N, C-alpha and C. Protein backbone atom coordinates (compact mmCIF):
# COMPACT_ATOMS: atom_id res chain seq x y z
N MET A 1 41.76 -40.73 23.53
CA MET A 1 41.49 -40.53 24.92
C MET A 1 41.10 -41.85 25.59
N ALA A 2 40.32 -42.64 24.91
CA ALA A 2 39.89 -43.92 25.49
C ALA A 2 41.08 -44.85 25.70
N THR A 3 42.02 -44.82 24.78
CA THR A 3 43.19 -45.68 24.94
C THR A 3 44.04 -45.24 26.12
N ARG A 4 44.10 -43.95 26.34
CA ARG A 4 44.86 -43.46 27.50
C ARG A 4 44.19 -43.89 28.79
N LEU A 5 42.89 -43.79 28.85
CA LEU A 5 42.16 -44.21 30.06
C LEU A 5 42.33 -45.70 30.32
N SER A 6 42.25 -46.49 29.26
CA SER A 6 42.41 -47.94 29.46
C SER A 6 43.83 -48.28 29.87
N GLY A 7 44.81 -47.56 29.33
CA GLY A 7 46.20 -47.79 29.72
C GLY A 7 46.45 -47.40 31.16
N ASP A 8 45.89 -46.28 31.59
CA ASP A 8 46.03 -45.87 32.99
C ASP A 8 45.38 -46.89 33.92
N ALA A 9 44.21 -47.39 33.53
CA ALA A 9 43.53 -48.40 34.35
C ALA A 9 44.34 -49.69 34.40
N PHE A 10 44.93 -50.10 33.27
CA PHE A 10 45.76 -51.31 33.23
C PHE A 10 46.96 -51.15 34.16
N LYS A 11 47.61 -50.01 34.10
CA LYS A 11 48.79 -49.76 34.93
C LYS A 11 48.42 -49.79 36.41
N ALA A 12 47.34 -49.11 36.78
CA ALA A 12 46.92 -49.06 38.18
C ALA A 12 46.53 -50.46 38.68
N ARG A 13 45.82 -51.22 37.85
CA ARG A 13 45.39 -52.57 38.23
C ARG A 13 46.60 -53.49 38.40
N SER A 14 47.56 -53.38 37.51
CA SER A 14 48.76 -54.21 37.58
C SER A 14 49.59 -53.87 38.80
N LEU A 15 49.67 -52.60 39.14
CA LEU A 15 50.44 -52.19 40.31
C LEU A 15 49.76 -52.64 41.60
N ARG A 16 48.42 -52.56 41.64
CA ARG A 16 47.69 -53.00 42.84
C ARG A 16 47.87 -54.48 43.08
N LYS A 17 47.85 -55.26 42.03
CA LYS A 17 47.95 -56.71 42.15
C LYS A 17 49.40 -57.18 42.27
N GLY A 18 50.34 -56.26 42.13
CA GLY A 18 51.75 -56.64 42.22
C GLY A 18 52.20 -57.51 41.06
N GLN A 19 51.57 -57.35 39.91
CA GLN A 19 51.86 -58.19 38.76
C GLN A 19 52.93 -57.60 37.86
N VAL A 20 53.53 -56.51 38.27
CA VAL A 20 54.46 -55.83 37.38
C VAL A 20 55.85 -55.80 38.02
N SER A 21 56.83 -56.23 37.26
CA SER A 21 58.22 -56.19 37.72
C SER A 21 58.76 -54.77 37.49
N PRO A 22 59.88 -54.44 38.10
CA PRO A 22 60.47 -53.11 37.83
C PRO A 22 60.76 -52.90 36.34
N GLN A 23 61.21 -53.96 35.66
CA GLN A 23 61.46 -53.85 34.22
C GLN A 23 60.15 -53.64 33.47
N GLY A 24 59.12 -54.33 33.89
CA GLY A 24 57.81 -54.17 33.26
C GLY A 24 57.26 -52.78 33.47
N LEU A 25 57.46 -52.22 34.68
CA LEU A 25 57.00 -50.86 34.96
C LEU A 25 57.74 -49.85 34.09
N ALA A 26 59.02 -50.08 33.88
CA ALA A 26 59.80 -49.20 33.00
C ALA A 26 59.25 -49.26 31.56
N GLN A 27 58.88 -50.48 31.12
CA GLN A 27 58.31 -50.62 29.77
C GLN A 27 56.95 -49.91 29.68
N ILE A 28 56.15 -50.03 30.71
CA ILE A 28 54.84 -49.37 30.72
C ILE A 28 55.02 -47.86 30.67
N ASN A 29 55.96 -47.34 31.45
CA ASN A 29 56.22 -45.90 31.45
C ASN A 29 56.73 -45.43 30.09
N GLN A 30 57.56 -46.24 29.44
CA GLN A 30 58.06 -45.90 28.10
C GLN A 30 56.91 -45.88 27.10
N HIS A 31 56.02 -46.87 27.19
CA HIS A 31 54.85 -46.93 26.32
C HIS A 31 53.95 -45.72 26.55
N GLN A 32 53.75 -45.36 27.81
CA GLN A 32 52.91 -44.22 28.15
C GLN A 32 53.52 -42.92 27.60
N SER A 33 54.81 -42.76 27.75
CA SER A 33 55.49 -41.58 27.24
C SER A 33 55.39 -41.49 25.72
N SER A 34 55.55 -42.62 25.06
CA SER A 34 55.42 -42.66 23.60
C SER A 34 53.99 -42.31 23.18
N GLY A 35 53.02 -42.76 23.96
CA GLY A 35 51.62 -42.44 23.65
C GLY A 35 51.32 -40.96 23.77
N VAL A 36 51.90 -40.31 24.77
CA VAL A 36 51.71 -38.86 24.93
C VAL A 36 52.35 -38.13 23.75
N THR A 37 53.53 -38.55 23.35
CA THR A 37 54.18 -37.93 22.18
C THR A 37 53.33 -38.13 20.94
N THR A 38 52.78 -39.33 20.78
CA THR A 38 51.91 -39.62 19.64
C THR A 38 50.73 -38.66 19.61
N MET A 39 50.11 -38.45 20.77
CA MET A 39 48.96 -37.57 20.84
C MET A 39 49.32 -36.15 20.36
N TRP A 40 50.45 -35.63 20.83
CA TRP A 40 50.83 -34.27 20.45
C TRP A 40 51.20 -34.16 18.97
N VAL A 41 51.86 -35.17 18.44
CA VAL A 41 52.23 -35.15 17.02
C VAL A 41 50.98 -35.21 16.15
N VAL A 42 50.03 -36.03 16.52
CA VAL A 42 48.78 -36.15 15.74
C VAL A 42 47.95 -34.86 15.84
N LEU A 43 47.93 -34.25 17.03
CA LEU A 43 47.22 -32.97 17.16
C LEU A 43 47.88 -31.88 16.31
N ALA A 44 49.20 -31.88 16.27
CA ALA A 44 49.91 -30.92 15.41
C ALA A 44 49.59 -31.18 13.94
N LEU A 45 49.54 -32.45 13.55
CA LEU A 45 49.19 -32.80 12.18
C LEU A 45 47.77 -32.31 11.85
N ALA A 46 46.85 -32.48 12.76
CA ALA A 46 45.48 -32.02 12.53
C ALA A 46 45.43 -30.50 12.35
N ALA A 47 46.17 -29.78 13.18
CA ALA A 47 46.18 -28.32 13.07
C ALA A 47 46.80 -27.87 11.74
N VAL A 48 47.90 -28.49 11.36
CA VAL A 48 48.55 -28.14 10.10
C VAL A 48 47.65 -28.51 8.91
N ALA A 49 46.95 -29.62 9.01
CA ALA A 49 46.03 -30.02 7.94
C ALA A 49 44.91 -28.99 7.78
N LEU A 50 44.40 -28.46 8.89
CA LEU A 50 43.36 -27.42 8.80
C LEU A 50 43.89 -26.15 8.16
N VAL A 51 45.11 -25.77 8.52
CA VAL A 51 45.71 -24.58 7.90
C VAL A 51 45.89 -24.82 6.40
N LEU A 52 46.38 -26.00 6.05
CA LEU A 52 46.58 -26.33 4.64
C LEU A 52 45.25 -26.33 3.88
N LEU A 53 44.23 -26.87 4.49
CA LEU A 53 42.90 -26.88 3.87
C LEU A 53 42.42 -25.45 3.62
N TYR A 54 42.66 -24.57 4.57
CA TYR A 54 42.28 -23.18 4.39
C TYR A 54 43.07 -22.53 3.25
N LEU A 55 44.38 -22.81 3.21
CA LEU A 55 45.23 -22.17 2.20
C LEU A 55 44.93 -22.63 0.77
N VAL A 56 44.60 -23.90 0.59
CA VAL A 56 44.38 -24.41 -0.76
C VAL A 56 42.91 -24.60 -1.10
N GLY A 57 42.04 -24.37 -0.15
CA GLY A 57 40.61 -24.55 -0.39
C GLY A 57 40.00 -23.39 -1.14
N PRO A 58 38.68 -23.37 -1.24
CA PRO A 58 37.98 -22.32 -1.99
C PRO A 58 38.26 -20.91 -1.47
N ALA A 59 38.61 -20.77 -0.20
CA ALA A 59 38.89 -19.44 0.34
C ALA A 59 40.12 -18.82 -0.32
N GLY A 60 41.00 -19.65 -0.83
CA GLY A 60 42.22 -19.14 -1.45
C GLY A 60 42.11 -19.00 -2.96
N GLN A 61 40.91 -19.15 -3.53
CA GLN A 61 40.72 -19.11 -4.98
C GLN A 61 39.58 -18.17 -5.32
N THR A 62 39.62 -17.62 -6.54
CA THR A 62 38.50 -16.80 -7.02
C THR A 62 38.10 -17.32 -8.39
N ALA A 63 36.87 -17.09 -8.75
CA ALA A 63 36.38 -17.55 -10.05
C ALA A 63 36.88 -16.62 -11.16
N ALA A 64 37.31 -17.23 -12.24
CA ALA A 64 37.73 -16.45 -13.41
C ALA A 64 36.49 -16.09 -14.22
N GLY A 65 36.64 -15.17 -15.13
CA GLY A 65 35.50 -14.72 -15.93
C GLY A 65 34.90 -15.80 -16.81
N ASP A 66 35.68 -16.84 -17.18
CA ASP A 66 35.16 -17.88 -18.07
C ASP A 66 34.53 -19.05 -17.33
N GLY A 67 34.27 -18.89 -16.03
CA GLY A 67 33.61 -19.95 -15.27
C GLY A 67 34.57 -20.92 -14.62
N THR A 68 35.86 -20.82 -14.92
CA THR A 68 36.83 -21.70 -14.27
C THR A 68 37.32 -21.05 -12.98
N VAL A 69 37.99 -21.83 -12.18
CA VAL A 69 38.54 -21.31 -10.93
C VAL A 69 40.02 -21.05 -11.15
N ALA A 70 40.42 -19.83 -10.95
CA ALA A 70 41.82 -19.46 -11.14
C ALA A 70 42.45 -19.13 -9.80
N ALA A 71 43.70 -19.50 -9.63
CA ALA A 71 44.40 -19.19 -8.40
C ALA A 71 44.69 -17.70 -8.36
N ALA A 72 44.26 -17.05 -7.28
CA ALA A 72 44.48 -15.62 -7.15
C ALA A 72 45.37 -15.31 -5.97
N GLN A 73 46.13 -16.28 -5.55
CA GLN A 73 46.97 -16.09 -4.38
C GLN A 73 48.26 -15.38 -4.76
N PRO A 74 48.69 -14.47 -3.92
CA PRO A 74 49.99 -13.86 -4.14
C PRO A 74 51.10 -14.90 -3.90
N ALA A 75 52.29 -14.58 -4.37
CA ALA A 75 53.41 -15.52 -4.26
C ALA A 75 53.69 -15.90 -2.81
N ALA A 76 53.55 -14.96 -1.89
CA ALA A 76 53.82 -15.25 -0.48
C ALA A 76 52.88 -16.33 0.06
N LEU A 77 51.62 -16.27 -0.34
CA LEU A 77 50.67 -17.29 0.11
C LEU A 77 50.96 -18.66 -0.50
N ARG A 78 51.40 -18.66 -1.76
CA ARG A 78 51.77 -19.94 -2.39
C ARG A 78 52.97 -20.56 -1.70
N ILE A 79 53.95 -19.73 -1.36
CA ILE A 79 55.13 -20.24 -0.65
C ILE A 79 54.72 -20.75 0.73
N LEU A 80 53.86 -20.00 1.41
CA LEU A 80 53.37 -20.45 2.70
C LEU A 80 52.64 -21.79 2.57
N GLY A 81 51.86 -21.94 1.50
CA GLY A 81 51.16 -23.20 1.26
C GLY A 81 52.13 -24.35 1.07
N ILE A 82 53.22 -24.10 0.35
CA ILE A 82 54.23 -25.15 0.14
C ILE A 82 54.90 -25.52 1.46
N VAL A 83 55.23 -24.52 2.26
CA VAL A 83 55.87 -24.77 3.56
C VAL A 83 54.94 -25.58 4.46
N VAL A 84 53.67 -25.19 4.49
CA VAL A 84 52.70 -25.90 5.32
C VAL A 84 52.50 -27.33 4.80
N ALA A 85 52.50 -27.52 3.48
CA ALA A 85 52.36 -28.86 2.91
C ALA A 85 53.54 -29.74 3.29
N VAL A 86 54.74 -29.19 3.24
CA VAL A 86 55.93 -29.95 3.64
C VAL A 86 55.85 -30.30 5.13
N ALA A 87 55.40 -29.35 5.95
CA ALA A 87 55.23 -29.62 7.38
C ALA A 87 54.20 -30.73 7.59
N ALA A 88 53.13 -30.71 6.81
CA ALA A 88 52.09 -31.75 6.94
C ALA A 88 52.65 -33.12 6.60
N VAL A 89 53.45 -33.20 5.55
CA VAL A 89 54.05 -34.49 5.18
C VAL A 89 54.99 -34.97 6.28
N GLY A 90 55.81 -34.06 6.81
CA GLY A 90 56.72 -34.43 7.89
C GLY A 90 55.97 -34.90 9.13
N LEU A 91 54.91 -34.20 9.49
CA LEU A 91 54.12 -34.60 10.65
C LEU A 91 53.37 -35.91 10.40
N ALA A 92 52.96 -36.15 9.17
CA ALA A 92 52.30 -37.42 8.85
C ALA A 92 53.27 -38.58 9.02
N ILE A 93 54.50 -38.40 8.56
CA ILE A 93 55.52 -39.44 8.73
C ILE A 93 55.82 -39.65 10.20
N ALA A 94 55.96 -38.56 10.96
CA ALA A 94 56.20 -38.67 12.40
C ALA A 94 55.03 -39.36 13.10
N SER A 95 53.81 -39.06 12.68
CA SER A 95 52.63 -39.70 13.27
C SER A 95 52.64 -41.20 13.02
N LEU A 96 52.95 -41.58 11.79
CA LEU A 96 53.02 -43.02 11.48
C LEU A 96 54.07 -43.71 12.35
N TYR A 97 55.23 -43.08 12.48
CA TYR A 97 56.30 -43.66 13.28
C TYR A 97 55.86 -43.84 14.73
N TYR A 98 55.30 -42.78 15.34
CA TYR A 98 54.94 -42.86 16.75
C TYR A 98 53.75 -43.78 17.00
N VAL A 99 52.80 -43.83 16.09
CA VAL A 99 51.69 -44.78 16.25
C VAL A 99 52.23 -46.21 16.21
N TYR A 100 53.11 -46.49 15.26
CA TYR A 100 53.72 -47.82 15.17
C TYR A 100 54.53 -48.13 16.42
N ARG A 101 55.37 -47.19 16.84
CA ARG A 101 56.24 -47.40 18.00
C ARG A 101 55.43 -47.62 19.27
N THR A 102 54.42 -46.81 19.48
CA THR A 102 53.60 -46.94 20.68
C THR A 102 52.86 -48.28 20.68
N GLY A 103 52.30 -48.64 19.54
CA GLY A 103 51.60 -49.93 19.44
C GLY A 103 52.54 -51.10 19.65
N ASP A 104 53.73 -51.02 19.08
CA ASP A 104 54.70 -52.09 19.24
C ASP A 104 55.13 -52.23 20.69
N LEU A 105 55.38 -51.11 21.36
CA LEU A 105 55.76 -51.17 22.78
C LEU A 105 54.64 -51.79 23.60
N GLY A 106 53.40 -51.41 23.32
CA GLY A 106 52.27 -51.98 24.05
C GLY A 106 52.11 -53.46 23.80
N ALA A 107 52.27 -53.87 22.55
CA ALA A 107 52.15 -55.29 22.23
C ALA A 107 53.24 -56.11 22.90
N ARG A 108 54.45 -55.56 22.94
CA ARG A 108 55.55 -56.27 23.61
C ARG A 108 55.27 -56.45 25.09
N ILE A 109 54.68 -55.44 25.72
CA ILE A 109 54.33 -55.54 27.14
C ILE A 109 53.29 -56.64 27.33
N VAL A 110 52.25 -56.61 26.53
CA VAL A 110 51.17 -57.59 26.68
C VAL A 110 51.66 -59.01 26.41
N TRP A 111 52.39 -59.18 25.33
CA TRP A 111 52.78 -60.53 24.94
C TRP A 111 53.97 -61.07 25.73
N SER A 112 54.74 -60.19 26.39
CA SER A 112 55.84 -60.68 27.20
C SER A 112 55.36 -61.11 28.57
N GLY A 113 54.16 -60.66 28.97
CA GLY A 113 53.59 -61.06 30.25
C GLY A 113 54.21 -60.37 31.44
N ARG A 114 54.84 -59.22 31.24
CA ARG A 114 55.49 -58.52 32.36
C ARG A 114 54.55 -57.52 32.97
C-alpha cells in the first residue's frame, strides 16, 4: 500500500511540474497497471496459502493410537490439497514474475529520467 501511495504521489508531482513526456506517462501508467496486477496475484497467493495451510495443517490430521500423527483425510481432500498446492506454486511463480516486472519498469522510469 505504501508503494502505491508513493507512486501516485510521484506521478501527480511529475505531472504538476510538467516533468513527464507523453512516452514517460505511458511508462508510468504501464508500471502502475503492473503494480495493480502484482497486488492481486500476491493476494490470491496469500489466500491459497491459507487454504493450503488449513488442508495440510493439524486440522486435517488425527492422532493415531501409538502417539504418532496419521493422515485421516479422505481421498477427495488429498486431491484437493494437491490441486491447491499446484495452484500455490503457480501463483508463487506469477508473483515472482510480476514483482520483477513491476520493479524493472519502475527502475527504467527512474533511471531513464523521463
